[in-house]
Amino acid sequence: MKLGVVVTAIVLLAGRTAQGQTAAEHIALGDRDHAALNAASALKQYEAALAVDPNNSDALIKAADDAVDLGEFNPNADQRAALFRSGEEYARRAVAANPANAEAHFQLARALGRNALTMGPRDRVKYAREVRDEALEALRLDPKHSGALHVMGVWNAEVMRLSGLTRLIAKKLLGGQIFGEANWENAQSYLERAVAIDPDRIAHRLDLAAVYADRGQKAKAIEQYEWIGRAPVRDFNDPNYKADAARRLKELR
């Protein structure tokens, strides 16, 4: 056997797990599970891919996505926090592996945002600057990234929902200029753009409806909640979003 053939064989074997699967094969299996809304199995496959290729940005991005999905409605607070931390870690590694990837920056903004929502108001504010920075970087790289538009819409809304002492703390930590950028018009505009780009995603419409309700636009909020009630399940947490929309719709009526 020629030396070149031997070297090639060694390289190929090094890129396989004990089960003989490559990172790409694990990612393909993860994609299949993700499409079937089996986020737990998908995450395991992406993590198996990372065991083979730790800097695979595709696997890192997808692992971050499913980790956050699994954490969002997990009733166990410790498990939820651990999943969000994992999502943040995977997303940070994805950004480091491929800084020019808009999806990597979006996933980091998303994971940070979810992490922040598990904390008290003061600690939550500490995350606000990085959430904003990562979402804006994603939009710089891809101005039509609906997920990053969604994050910016929610960022504006969450800042506007702060009250009293927390607003003073937020202004100090974020800086007056950044804090002053937040307003209800931006919250609504960003979320409406997210819906326009990806109209079938329930999560976009759920947070847009909440902003409409906050702004006293009851008819528009009801319209979004009713649409969500009719919409097919597309993403892992859509059943939870639909239940949330039904509850909010009942409260509005």
C-alpha atoms as a PDB file:
ATOM      1  CA  MET A   1       0.000   0.000   0.000  1.00  0.00           C
ATOM      2  CA  LYS A   2       1.362   3.435  -0.948  1.00  0.00           C
ATOM      3  CA  LEU A   3       2.218   5.875   1.824  1.00  0.00           C
ATOM      4  CA  GLY A   4      -0.306   8.441   0.573  1.00  0.00           C
ATOM      5  CA  VAL A   5      -3.114   5.900   0.750  1.00  0.00           C
ATOM      6  CA  VAL A   6      -2.126   4.933   4.290  1.00  0.00           C
ATOM      7  CA  VAL A   7      -2.111   8.569   5.422  1.00  0.00           C
ATOM      8  CA  THR A   8      -5.500   9.197   3.831  1.00  0.00           C
ATOM      9  CA  ALA A   9      -6.950   6.160   5.585  1.00  0.00           C
ATOM     10  CA  ILE A  10      -5.614   7.329   8.944  1.00  0.00           C
ATOM     11  CA  VAL A  11      -7.121  10.807   8.471  1.00  0.00           C
ATOM     12  CA  LEU A  12     -10.494   9.365   7.554  1.00  0.00           C
ATOM     13  CA  LEU A  13     -10.515   7.036  10.533  1.00  0.00           C
ATOM     14  CA  ALA A  14      -9.560   9.890  12.851  1.00  0.00           C
ATOM     15  CA  GLY A  15     -12.677  11.754  11.721  1.00  0.00           C
ATOM     16  CA  ARG A  16     -15.007   8.978  12.884  1.00  0.00           C
ATOM     17  CA  THR A  17     -16.519   8.106  16.227  1.00  0.00           C
ATOM     18  CA  ALA A  18     -16.249   4.729  17.872  1.00  0.00           C
ATOM     19  CA  GLN A  19     -19.421   3.829  15.997  1.00  0.00           C
ATOM     20  CA  GLY A  20     -17.709   4.712  12.720  1.00  0.00           C
ATOM     21  CA  GLN A  21     -19.736   7.867  12.040  1.00  0.00           C
ATOM     22  CA  THR A  22     -18.264  11.137  10.857  1.00  0.00           C
ATOM     23  CA  ALA A  23     -19.241  14.546  12.162  1.00  0.00           C
ATOM     24  CA  ALA A  24     -21.188  15.162   8.955  1.00  0.00           C
ATOM     25  CA  GLU A  25     -23.111  11.931   9.442  1.00  0.00           C
ATOM     26  CA  HIS A  26     -24.009  12.865  13.010  1.00  0.00           C
ATOM     27  CA  ILE A  27     -25.144  16.294  11.833  1.00  0.00           C
ATOM     28  CA  ALA A  28     -27.343  14.713   9.168  1.00  0.00           C
ATOM     29  CA  LEU A  29     -28.927  12.462  11.818  1.00  0.00           C
ATOM     30  CA  GLY A  30     -29.390  15.484  14.066  1.00  0.00           C
ATOM     31  CA  ASP A  31     -31.070  17.387  11.251  1.00  0.00           C
ATOM     32  CA  ARG A  32     -33.454  14.469  10.748  1.00  0.00           C
ATOM     33  CA  ASP A  33     -34.371  14.446  14.433  1.00  0.00           C
ATOM     34  CA  HIS A  34     -34.679  18.231  14.521  1.00  0.00           C
ATOM     35  CA  ALA A  35     -37.090  18.164  11.566  1.00  0.00           C
ATOM     36  CA  ALA A  36     -39.101  15.505  13.422  1.00  0.00           C
ATOM     37  CA  LEU A  37     -39.281  17.895  16.434  1.00  0.00           C
ATOM     38  CA  ASN A  38     -37.186  15.529  18.543  1.00  0.00           C
ATOM     39  CA  ALA A  39     -34.877  18.151  19.995  1.00  0.00           C
ATOM     40  CA  ALA A  40     -33.325  15.908  22.655  1.00  0.00           C
ATOM     41  CA  SER A  41     -32.159  13.328  20.120  1.00  0.00           C
ATOM     42  CA  ALA A  42     -31.029  16.051  17.742  1.00  0.00           C
ATOM     43  CA  LEU A  43     -28.906  17.647  20.466  1.00  0.00           C
ATOM     44  CA  LYS A  44     -27.252  14.307  21.226  1.00  0.00           C
ATOM     45  CA  GLN A  45     -26.328  13.881  17.558  1.00  0.00           C
ATOM     46  CA  TYR A  46     -24.885  17.392  17.311  1.00  0.00           C
ATOM     47  CA  GLU A  47     -22.894  16.792  20.497  1.00  0.00           C
ATOM     48  CA  ALA A  48     -21.638  13.515  19.018  1.00  0.00           C
ATOM     49  CA  ALA A  49     -20.530  15.471  15.951  1.00  0.00           C
ATOM     50  CA  LEU A  50     -18.657  17.877  18.224  1.00  0.00           C
ATOM     51  CA  ALA A  51     -16.929  14.973  19.946  1.00  0.00           C
ATOM     52  CA  VAL A  52     -15.438  14.211  16.532  1.00  0.00           C
ATOM     53  CA  ASP A  53     -14.954  17.791  15.337  1.00  0.00           C
ATOM     54  CA  PRO A  54     -15.066  20.253  18.286  1.00  0.00           C
ATOM     55  CA  ASN A  55     -14.875  23.366  16.101  1.00  0.00           C
ATOM     56  CA  ASN A  56     -17.562  22.412  13.595  1.00  0.00           C
ATOM     57  CA  SER A  57     -19.535  25.652  13.404  1.00  0.00           C
ATOM     58  CA  ASP A  58     -22.604  23.971  11.884  1.00  0.00           C
ATOM     59  CA  ALA A  59     -22.844  21.484  14.763  1.00  0.00           C
ATOM     60  CA  LEU A  60     -22.175  24.233  17.327  1.00  0.00           C
ATOM     61  CA  ILE A  61     -24.942  26.450  15.938  1.00  0.00           C
ATOM     62  CA  LYS A  62     -27.436  23.602  15.836  1.00  0.00           C
ATOM     63  CA  ALA A  63     -26.485  22.343  19.308  1.00  0.00           C
ATOM     64  CA  ALA A  64     -27.022  25.851  20.684  1.00  0.00           C
ATOM     65  CA  ASP A  65     -30.424  26.055  19.013  1.00  0.00           C
ATOM     66  CA  ASP A  66     -31.716  22.762  20.380  1.00  0.00           C
ATOM     67  CA  ALA A  67     -30.245  23.289  23.849  1.00  0.00           C
ATOM     68  CA  VAL A  68     -32.136  26.569  24.184  1.00  0.00           C
ATOM     69  CA  ASP A  69     -35.301  24.997  22.751  1.00  0.00           C
ATOM     70  CA  LEU A  70     -35.109  22.205  25.322  1.00  0.00           C
ATOM     71  CA  GLY A  71     -34.545  24.655  28.148  1.00  0.00           C
ATOM     72  CA  GLU A  72     -37.275  27.136  27.341  1.00  0.00           C
ATOM     73  CA  PHE A  73     -40.212  25.240  28.843  1.00  0.00           C
ATOM     74  CA  ASN A  74     -38.318  22.770  31.012  1.00  0.00           C
ATOM     75  CA  PRO A  75     -40.149  22.758  34.375  1.00  0.00           C
ATOM     76  CA  ASN A  76     -36.960  21.928  36.299  1.00  0.00           C
ATOM     77  CA  ALA A  77     -35.185  25.204  37.057  1.00  0.00           C
ATOM     78  CA  ASP A  78     -31.742  23.618  37.391  1.00  0.00           C
ATOM     79  CA  GLN A  79     -32.063  21.701  34.130  1.00  0.00           C
ATOM     80  CA  ARG A  80     -33.420  24.780  32.395  1.00  0.00           C
ATOM     81  CA  ALA A  81     -30.503  26.913  33.558  1.00  0.00           C
ATOM     82  CA  ALA A  82     -27.995  24.208  32.573  1.00  0.00           C
ATOM     83  CA  LEU A  83     -29.456  23.932  29.077  1.00  0.00           C
ATOM     84  CA  PHE A  84     -29.337  27.691  28.608  1.00  0.00           C
ATOM     85  CA  ARG A  85     -25.721  27.743  29.767  1.00  0.00           C
ATOM     86  CA  SER A  86     -24.920  24.954  27.310  1.00  0.00           C
ATOM     87  CA  GLY A  87     -26.653  26.878  24.542  1.00  0.00           C
ATOM     88  CA  GLU A  88     -24.620  29.965  25.374  1.00  0.00           C
ATOM     89  CA  GLU A  89     -21.370  27.990  25.436  1.00  0.00           C
ATOM     90  CA  TYR A  90     -22.063  26.329  22.082  1.00  0.00           C
ATOM     91  CA  ALA A  91     -23.035  29.657  20.543  1.00  0.00           C
ATOM     92  CA  ARG A  92     -19.885  31.378  21.816  1.00  0.00           C
ATOM     93  CA  ARG A  93     -17.804  28.597  20.311  1.00  0.00           C
ATOM     94  CA  ALA A  94     -19.732  28.931  17.046  1.00  0.00           C
ATOM     95  CA  VAL A  95     -18.959  32.659  16.897  1.00  0.00           C
ATOM     96  CA  ALA A  96     -15.293  31.957  17.635  1.00  0.00           C
ATOM     97  CA  ALA A  97     -15.194  29.278  14.927  1.00  0.00           C
ATOM     98  CA  ASN A  98     -16.910  31.448  12.310  1.00  0.00           C
ATOM     99  CA  PRO A  99     -17.237  35.141  13.257  1.00  0.00           C
ATOM    100  CA  ALA A 100     -18.754  36.004   9.873  1.00  0.00           C
ATOM    101  CA  ASN A 101     -21.743  33.705  10.368  1.00  0.00           C
ATOM    102  CA  ALA A 102     -24.930  35.645  11.144  1.00  0.00           C
ATOM    103  CA  GLU A 103     -26.680  32.573  12.536  1.00  0.00           C
ATOM    104  CA  ALA A 104     -23.900  32.062  15.089  1.00  0.00           C
ATOM    105  CA  HIS A 105     -24.305  35.607  16.393  1.00  0.00           C
ATOM    106  CA  PHE A 106     -28.089  35.213  16.471  1.00  0.00           C
ATOM    107  CA  GLN A 107     -27.862  31.984  18.448  1.00  0.00           C
ATOM    108  CA  LEU A 108     -25.571  33.685  20.957  1.00  0.00           C
ATOM    109  CA  ALA A 109     -27.983  36.615  21.314  1.00  0.00           C
ATOM    110  CA  ARG A 110     -30.857  34.161  21.749  1.00  0.00           C
ATOM    111  CA  ALA A 111     -29.064  32.031  24.347  1.00  0.00           C
ATOM    112  CA  LEU A 112     -27.968  35.105  26.296  1.00  0.00           C
ATOM    113  CA  GLY A 113     -31.505  36.455  26.200  1.00  0.00           C
ATOM    114  CA  ARG A 114     -32.969  33.221  27.514  1.00  0.00           C
ATOM    115  CA  ASN A 115     -30.310  33.076  30.209  1.00  0.00           C
ATOM    116  CA  ALA A 116     -31.183  36.614  31.239  1.00  0.00           C
ATOM    117  CA  LEU A 117     -34.894  35.843  31.560  1.00  0.00           C
ATOM    118  CA  THR A 118     -34.129  33.251  34.271  1.00  0.00           C
ATOM    119  CA  MET A 119     -32.626  35.988  36.461  1.00  0.00           C
ATOM    120  CA  GLY A 120     -33.870  38.875  38.494  1.00  0.00           C
ATOM    121  CA  PRO A 121     -34.317  42.297  36.875  1.00  0.00           C
ATOM    122  CA  ARG A 122     -30.935  43.681  37.947  1.00  0.00           C
ATOM    123  CA  ASP A 123     -28.940  40.692  36.701  1.00  0.00           C
ATOM    124  CA  ARG A 124     -31.043  40.595  33.549  1.00  0.00           C
ATOM    125  CA  VAL A 125     -29.939  44.088  32.632  1.00  0.00           C
ATOM    126  CA  LYS A 126     -26.280  42.991  32.720  1.00  0.00           C
ATOM    127  CA  TYR A 127     -26.954  40.755  29.733  1.00  0.00           C
ATOM    128  CA  ALA A 128     -28.839  43.383  27.761  1.00  0.00           C
ATOM    129  CA  ARG A 129     -25.845  45.042  26.115  1.00  0.00           C
ATOM    130  CA  GLU A 130     -24.351  41.792  24.799  1.00  0.00           C
ATOM    131  CA  VAL A 131     -27.736  40.531  23.586  1.00  0.00           C
ATOM    132  CA  ARG A 132     -28.165  43.747  21.633  1.00  0.00           C
ATOM    133  CA  ASP A 133     -24.599  43.713  20.289  1.00  0.00           C
ATOM    134  CA  GLU A 134     -24.848  40.122  19.047  1.00  0.00           C
ATOM    135  CA  ALA A 135     -28.241  40.657  17.443  1.00  0.00           C
ATOM    136  CA  LEU A 136     -27.032  43.799  15.681  1.00  0.00           C
ATOM    137  CA  GLU A 137     -23.926  41.974  14.452  1.00  0.00           C
ATOM    138  CA  ALA A 138     -26.146  39.245  13.022  1.00  0.00           C
ATOM    139  CA  LEU A 139     -28.180  41.928  11.236  1.00  0.00           C
ATOM    140  CA  ARG A 140     -25.041  43.610   9.946  1.00  0.00           C
ATOM    141  CA  LEU A 141     -24.055  40.305   8.375  1.00  0.00           C
ATOM    142  CA  ASP A 142     -27.596  39.474   7.242  1.00  0.00           C
ATOM    143  CA  PRO A 143     -30.064  42.401   7.365  1.00  0.00           C
ATOM    144  CA  LYS A 144     -32.987  40.045   6.706  1.00  0.00           C
ATOM    145  CA  HIS A 145     -32.241  37.571   9.498  1.00  0.00           C
ATOM    146  CA  SER A 146     -35.716  37.191  11.004  1.00  0.00           C
ATOM    147  CA  GLY A 147     -34.410  35.707  14.248  1.00  0.00           C
ATOM    148  CA  ALA A 148     -32.100  38.646  14.896  1.00  0.00           C
ATOM    149  CA  LEU A 149     -34.924  41.068  14.061  1.00  0.00           C
ATOM    150  CA  HIS A 150     -37.061  39.203  16.581  1.00  0.00           C
ATOM    151  CA  VAL A 151     -34.362  39.485  19.259  1.00  0.00           C
ATOM    152  CA  MET A 152     -34.075  43.225  18.689  1.00  0.00           C
ATOM    153  CA  GLY A 153     -37.834  43.614  18.900  1.00  0.00           C
ATOM    154  CA  VAL A 154     -37.966  41.764  22.204  1.00  0.00           C
ATOM    155  CA  TRP A 155     -34.880  43.662  23.437  1.00  0.00           C
ATOM    156  CA  ASN A 156     -36.658  46.975  22.916  1.00  0.00           C
ATOM    157  CA  ALA A 157     -39.849  45.685  24.505  1.00  0.00           C
ATOM    158  CA  GLU A 158     -38.080  44.262  27.570  1.00  0.00           C
ATOM    159  CA  VAL A 159     -36.248  47.529  28.200  1.00  0.00           C
ATOM    160  CA  MET A 160     -39.529  49.424  27.914  1.00  0.00           C
ATOM    161  CA  ARG A 161     -41.173  47.011  30.361  1.00  0.00           C
ATOM    162  CA  LEU A 162     -38.658  47.835  33.078  1.00  0.00           C
ATOM    163  CA  SER A 163     -39.916  50.121  35.798  1.00  0.00           C
ATOM    164  CA  GLY A 164     -38.721  52.288  38.649  1.00  0.00           C
ATOM    165  CA  LEU A 165     -35.319  51.543  40.122  1.00  0.00           C
ATOM    166  CA  THR A 166     -34.579  48.871  37.508  1.00  0.00           C
ATOM    167  CA  ARG A 167     -34.794  51.487  34.759  1.00  0.00           C
ATOM    168  CA  LEU A 168     -32.215  53.619  36.571  1.00  0.00           C
ATOM    169  CA  ILE A 169     -29.926  50.604  36.934  1.00  0.00           C
ATOM    170  CA  ALA A 170     -30.408  49.732  33.269  1.00  0.00           C
ATOM    171  CA  LYS A 171     -29.557  53.258  32.187  1.00  0.00           C
ATOM    172  CA  LYS A 172     -26.371  53.177  34.263  1.00  0.00           C
ATOM    173  CA  LEU A 173     -25.240  49.741  33.052  1.00  0.00           C
ATOM    174  CA  LEU A 174     -26.208  50.163  29.409  1.00  0.00           C
ATOM    175  CA  GLY A 175     -25.243  53.783  29.107  1.00  0.00           C
ATOM    176  CA  GLY A 176     -27.650  56.588  28.422  1.00  0.00           C
ATOM    177  CA  GLN A 177     -27.283  56.455  24.651  1.00  0.00           C
ATOM    178  CA  ILE A 178     -28.003  52.716  24.314  1.00  0.00           C
ATOM    179  CA  PHE A 179     -30.776  52.834  26.893  1.00  0.00           C
ATOM    180  CA  GLY A 180     -32.326  55.784  25.077  1.00  0.00           C
ATOM    181  CA  GLU A 181     -32.489  53.797  21.833  1.00  0.00           C
ATOM    182  CA  ALA A 182     -35.143  51.493  23.254  1.00  0.00           C
ATOM    183  CA  ASN A 183     -38.733  52.415  22.457  1.00  0.00           C
ATOM    184  CA  TRP A 184     -42.051  50.796  21.626  1.00  0.00           C
ATOM    185  CA  GLU A 185     -41.890  51.890  17.992  1.00  0.00           C
ATOM    186  CA  ASN A 186     -38.655  49.948  17.501  1.00  0.00           C
ATOM    187  CA  ALA A 187     -40.062  46.925  19.325  1.00  0.00           C
ATOM    188  CA  GLN A 188     -43.059  46.829  17.005  1.00  0.00           C
ATOM    189  CA  SER A 189     -41.094  47.608  13.855  1.00  0.00           C
ATOM    190  CA  TYR A 190     -38.462  44.914  14.394  1.00  0.00           C
ATOM    191  CA  LEU A 191     -41.075  42.268  15.155  1.00  0.00           C
ATOM    192  CA  GLU A 192     -43.274  43.252  12.214  1.00  0.00           C
ATOM    193  CA  ARG A 193     -40.248  42.902   9.945  1.00  0.00           C
ATOM    194  CA  ALA A 194     -39.488  39.476  11.424  1.00  0.00           C
ATOM    195  CA  VAL A 195     -43.067  38.383  10.676  1.00  0.00           C
ATOM    196  CA  ALA A 196     -42.911  39.807   7.156  1.00  0.00           C
ATOM    197  CA  ILE A 197     -39.741  37.813   6.397  1.00  0.00           C
ATOM    198  CA  ASP A 198     -40.841  34.563   8.087  1.00  0.00           C
ATOM    199  CA  PRO A 199     -44.637  34.767   8.420  1.00  0.00           C
ATOM    200  CA  ASP A 200     -45.153  31.110   9.380  1.00  0.00           C
ATOM    201  CA  ARG A 201     -43.024  31.212  12.523  1.00  0.00           C
ATOM    202  CA  ILE A 202     -45.315  31.255  15.543  1.00  0.00           C
ATOM    203  CA  ALA A 203     -42.701  32.692  17.926  1.00  0.00           C
ATOM    204  CA  HIS A 204     -42.428  35.901  15.881  1.00  0.00           C
ATOM    205  CA  ARG A 205     -46.165  36.487  15.983  1.00  0.00           C
ATOM    206  CA  LEU A 206     -46.466  35.629  19.681  1.00  0.00           C
ATOM    207  CA  ASP A 207     -44.037  38.353  20.743  1.00  0.00           C
ATOM    208  CA  LEU A 208     -45.490  40.809  18.220  1.00  0.00           C
ATOM    209  CA  ALA A 209     -48.934  40.232  19.704  1.00  0.00           C
ATOM    210  CA  ALA A 210     -47.546  40.930  23.176  1.00  0.00           C
ATOM    211  CA  VAL A 211     -46.144  44.260  21.978  1.00  0.00           C
ATOM    212  CA  TYR A 212     -49.470  45.155  20.349  1.00  0.00           C
ATOM    213  CA  ALA A 213     -51.188  44.382  23.659  1.00  0.00           C
ATOM    214  CA  ASP A 214     -48.671  46.469  25.601  1.00  0.00           C
ATOM    215  CA  ARG A 215     -49.317  49.372  23.247  1.00  0.00           C
ATOM    216  CA  GLY A 216     -53.088  49.127  23.571  1.00  0.00           C
ATOM    217  CA  GLN A 217     -53.582  47.773  20.058  1.00  0.00           C
ATOM    218  CA  LYS A 218     -56.008  45.103  21.212  1.00  0.00           C
ATOM    219  CA  ALA A 219     -57.512  44.221  17.819  1.00  0.00           C
ATOM    220  CA  LYS A 220     -54.067  43.627  16.294  1.00  0.00           C
ATOM    221  CA  ALA A 221     -53.021  41.483  19.247  1.00  0.00           C
ATOM    222  CA  ILE A 222     -56.187  39.373  18.964  1.00  0.00           C
ATOM    223  CA  GLU A 223     -55.585  38.928  15.244  1.00  0.00           C
ATOM    224  CA  GLN A 224     -52.122  37.511  15.910  1.00  0.00           C
ATOM    225  CA  TYR A 225     -53.282  35.215  18.703  1.00  0.00           C
ATOM    226  CA  GLU A 226     -56.114  33.890  16.539  1.00  0.00           C
ATOM    227  CA  TRP A 227     -53.661  33.226  13.700  1.00  0.00           C
ATOM    228  CA  ILE A 228     -51.438  31.284  16.088  1.00  0.00           C
ATOM    229  CA  GLY A 229     -54.419  29.188  17.153  1.00  0.00           C
ATOM    230  CA  ARG A 230     -54.957  28.097  13.528  1.00  0.00           C
ATOM    231  CA  ALA A 231     -51.287  27.671  12.614  1.00  0.00           C
ATOM    232  CA  PRO A 232     -49.710  24.235  12.162  1.00  0.00           C
ATOM    233  CA  VAL A 233     -46.917  23.143  14.486  1.00  0.00           C
ATOM    234  CA  ARG A 234     -43.578  23.799  12.820  1.00  0.00           C
ATOM    235  CA  ASP A 235     -41.010  24.136  15.589  1.00  0.00           C
ATOM    236  CA  PHE A 236     -40.278  22.170  18.763  1.00  0.00           C
ATOM    237  CA  ASN A 237     -41.873  24.674  21.162  1.00  0.00           C
ATOM    238  CA  ASP A 238     -44.833  25.601  18.980  1.00  0.00           C
ATOM    239  CA  PRO A 239     -47.331  23.612  21.116  1.00  0.00           C
ATOM    240  CA  ASN A 240     -46.231  25.670  24.120  1.00  0.00           C
ATOM    241  CA  TYR A 241     -46.454  28.907  22.143  1.00  0.00           C
ATOM    242  CA  LYS A 242     -49.942  27.990  20.968  1.00  0.00           C
ATOM    243  CA  ALA A 243     -51.045  27.295  24.549  1.00  0.00           C
ATOM    244  CA  ASP A 244     -49.571  30.641  25.642  1.00  0.00           C
ATOM    245  CA  ALA A 245     -51.359  32.433  22.814  1.00  0.00           C
ATOM    246  CA  ALA A 246     -54.684  30.815  23.760  1.00  0.00           C
ATOM    247  CA  ARG A 247     -54.258  31.935  27.354  1.00  0.00           C
ATOM    248  CA  ARG A 248     -53.406  35.503  26.366  1.00  0.00           C
ATOM    249  CA  LEU A 249     -56.276  35.628  23.898  1.00  0.00           C
ATOM    250  CA  LYS A 250     -58.710  34.602  26.645  1.00  0.00           C
ATOM    251  CA  GLU A 251     -57.359  37.351  28.894  1.00  0.00           C
ATOM    252  CA  LEU A 252     -57.790  39.988  26.167  1.00  0.00           C
ATOM    253  CA  ARG A 253     -61.374  39.100  25.371  1.00  0.00           C
END
